[in-house]
C-alpha atoms as a PDB file:
ATOM      1  CA  MET A   1     136.747 117.825  58.231  1.00  0.00           C
ATOM      2  CA  THR A   2     135.162 114.600  56.710  1.00  0.00           C
ATOM      3  CA  ASP A   3     135.859 112.481  53.985  1.00  0.00           C
ATOM      4  CA  GLN A   4     134.505 113.243  50.814  1.00  0.00           C
ATOM      5  CA  THR A   5     135.201 109.500  49.272  1.00  0.00           C
ATOM      6  CA  THR A   6     131.820 108.111  47.877  1.00  0.00           C
ATOM      7  CA  ALA A   7     131.313 104.699  47.756  1.00  0.00           C
ATOM      8  CA  PRO A   8     130.854 103.324  44.244  1.00  0.00           C
ATOM      9  CA  ASN A   9     126.975 103.473  42.803  1.00  0.00           C
ATOM     10  CA  ALA A  10     125.257 102.243  39.648  1.00  0.00           C
ATOM     11  CA  ALA A  11     126.251 105.527  38.081  1.00  0.00           C
ATOM     12  CA  ASN A  12     129.882 105.021  38.745  1.00  0.00           C
ATOM     13  CA  ALA A  13     130.057 101.127  38.136  1.00  0.00           C
ATOM     14  CA  GLY A  14     128.643 101.495  34.810  1.00  0.00           C
ATOM     15  CA  GLU A  15     131.670 103.932  33.836  1.00  0.00           C
ATOM     16  CA  GLN A  16     134.156 101.698  34.839  1.00  0.00           C
ATOM     17  CA  ALA A  17     132.754  98.622  33.232  1.00  0.00           C
ATOM     18  CA  ARG A  18     132.212 100.626  29.782  1.00  0.00           C
ATOM     19  CA  VAL A  19     136.165 101.576  29.841  1.00  0.00           C
ATOM     20  CA  GLY A  20     137.153  97.659  29.687  1.00  0.00           C
ATOM     21  CA  VAL A  21     134.684  97.128  26.865  1.00  0.00           C
ATOM     22  CA  PRO A  22     136.545  99.157  23.830  1.00  0.00           C
ATOM     23  CA  LEU A  23     139.772  97.472  25.203  1.00  0.00           C
ATOM     24  CA  GLY A  24     138.362  94.192  24.918  1.00  0.00           C
ATOM     25  CA  ARG A  25     136.220  94.568  21.177  1.00  0.00           C
ATOM     26  CA  THR A  26     139.724  95.980  20.296  1.00  0.00           C
ATOM     27  CA  LEU A  27     141.537  93.008  21.458  1.00  0.00           C
ATOM     28  CA  VAL A  28     139.178  90.712  19.549  1.00  0.00           C
ATOM     29  CA  TRP A  29     139.279  92.746  16.340  1.00  0.00           C
ATOM     30  CA  LEU A  30     142.813  92.412  16.512  1.00  0.00           C
ATOM     31  CA  GLY A  31     142.980  88.770  17.084  1.00  0.00           C
ATOM     32  CA  ILE A  32     140.754  87.913  13.888  1.00  0.00           C
ATOM     33  CA  ALA A  33     142.554  90.492  11.725  1.00  0.00           C
ATOM     34  CA  GLY A  34     145.934  88.748  12.717  1.00  0.00           C
ATOM     35  CA  ALA A  35     144.180  85.295  12.615  1.00  0.00           C
ATOM     36  CA  SER A  36     142.965  86.215   8.987  1.00  0.00           C
ATOM     37  CA  ALA A  37     146.004  87.647   7.931  1.00  0.00           C
ATOM     38  CA  ALA A  38     148.157  84.692   8.913  1.00  0.00           C
ATOM     39  CA  LEU A  39     145.731  82.206   7.071  1.00  0.00           C
ATOM     40  CA  THR A  40     146.293  84.391   3.884  1.00  0.00           C
ATOM     41  CA  PHE A  41     150.074  84.263   4.477  1.00  0.00           C
ATOM     42  CA  PHE A  42     149.843  80.147   4.446  1.00  0.00           C
ATOM     43  CA  VAL A  43     147.119  80.036   1.387  1.00  0.00           C
ATOM     44  CA  LEU A  44     149.195  82.020  -0.831  1.00  0.00           C
ATOM     45  CA  ARG A  45     152.790  80.691   0.323  1.00  0.00           C
ATOM     46  CA  ALA A  46     151.015  76.976  -0.320  1.00  0.00           C
ATOM     47  CA  ALA A  47     149.560  78.338  -3.156  1.00  0.00           C
ATOM     48  CA  LEU A  48     153.066  80.252  -4.780  1.00  0.00           C
ATOM     49  CA  ARG A  49     155.188  77.199  -4.290  1.00  0.00           C
ATOM     50  CA  PRO A  50     156.694  76.066  -7.226  1.00  0.00           C
ATOM     51  CA  GLN A  51     155.863  73.079  -8.369  1.00  0.00           C
ATOM     52  CA  PRO A  52     157.944  70.030  -8.771  1.00  0.00           C
ATOM     53  CA  ALA A  53     159.054  69.205 -12.266  1.00  0.00           C
ATOM     54  CA  SER A  54     156.896  66.712 -13.746  1.00  0.00           C
ATOM     55  CA  ASP A  55     159.302  63.437 -14.582  1.00  0.00           C
ATOM     56  CA  GLU A  56     158.963  60.861 -17.220  1.00  0.00           C
ATOM     57  CA  THR A  57     156.194  58.198 -15.672  1.00  0.00           C
ATOM     58  CA  THR A  58     154.128  61.467 -15.074  1.00  0.00           C
ATOM     59  CA  GLU A  59     154.280  62.671 -18.727  1.00  0.00           C
ATOM     60  CA  ARG A  60     153.583  59.385 -19.758  1.00  0.00           C
ATOM     61  CA  ILE A  61     150.824  58.700 -17.700  1.00  0.00           C
ATOM     62  CA  GLN A  62     149.111  61.989 -18.981  1.00  0.00           C
ATOM     63  CA  ALA A  63     150.225  61.025 -22.792  1.00  0.00           C
ATOM     64  CA  LEU A  64     148.322  57.638 -22.124  1.00  0.00           C
ATOM     65  CA  ILE A  65     144.900  59.544 -20.232  1.00  0.00           C
ATOM     66  CA  ASP A  66     145.039  61.904 -23.181  1.00  0.00           C
ATOM     67  CA  GLU A  67     145.310  59.236 -25.705  1.00  0.00           C
ATOM     68  CA  ALA A  68     142.031  56.824 -24.000  1.00  0.00           C
ATOM     69  CA  ASN A  69     139.906  60.143 -23.696  1.00  0.00           C
ATOM     70  CA  ARG A  70     140.486  60.800 -27.797  1.00  0.00           C
ATOM     71  CA  LEU A  71     139.950  56.748 -28.178  1.00  0.00           C
ATOM     72  CA  ILE A  72     136.274  57.277 -26.216  1.00  0.00           C
ATOM     73  CA  LYS A  73     135.428  60.583 -28.134  1.00  0.00           C
ATOM     74  CA  THR A  74     136.116  58.499 -31.477  1.00  0.00           C
ATOM     75  CA  LEU A  75     134.061  55.282 -30.397  1.00  0.00           C
ATOM     76  CA  ASP A  76     131.079  57.698 -28.899  1.00  0.00           C
ATOM     77  CA  GLU A  77     131.209  59.351 -32.519  1.00  0.00           C
ATOM     78  CA  LYS A  78     130.701  56.216 -34.181  1.00  0.00           C
ATOM     79  CA  LYS A  79     128.025  55.295 -32.099  1.00  0.00           C
ATOM     80  CA  SER A  80     125.714  58.310 -32.837  1.00  0.00           C
ATOM     81  CA  THR A  81     126.246  57.997 -36.390  1.00  0.00           C
END
């Protein structure tokens, strides 16, 4: 009897190469999906984090900015007339 094993030829090598491609693509897409999910998680976590309560100084500065904006608007209206 003779040994019936065949040496790999171009057809057999192509089939073996194609078997690994879907697995590789799947792993790449799973990596992309995982990275996207992680990025989304961190963005949402940062966006939904409670903001610190404003202190007296911050409120006073905002009031001064608002007053300055009102004065600038009044001056612009007087210049236009």
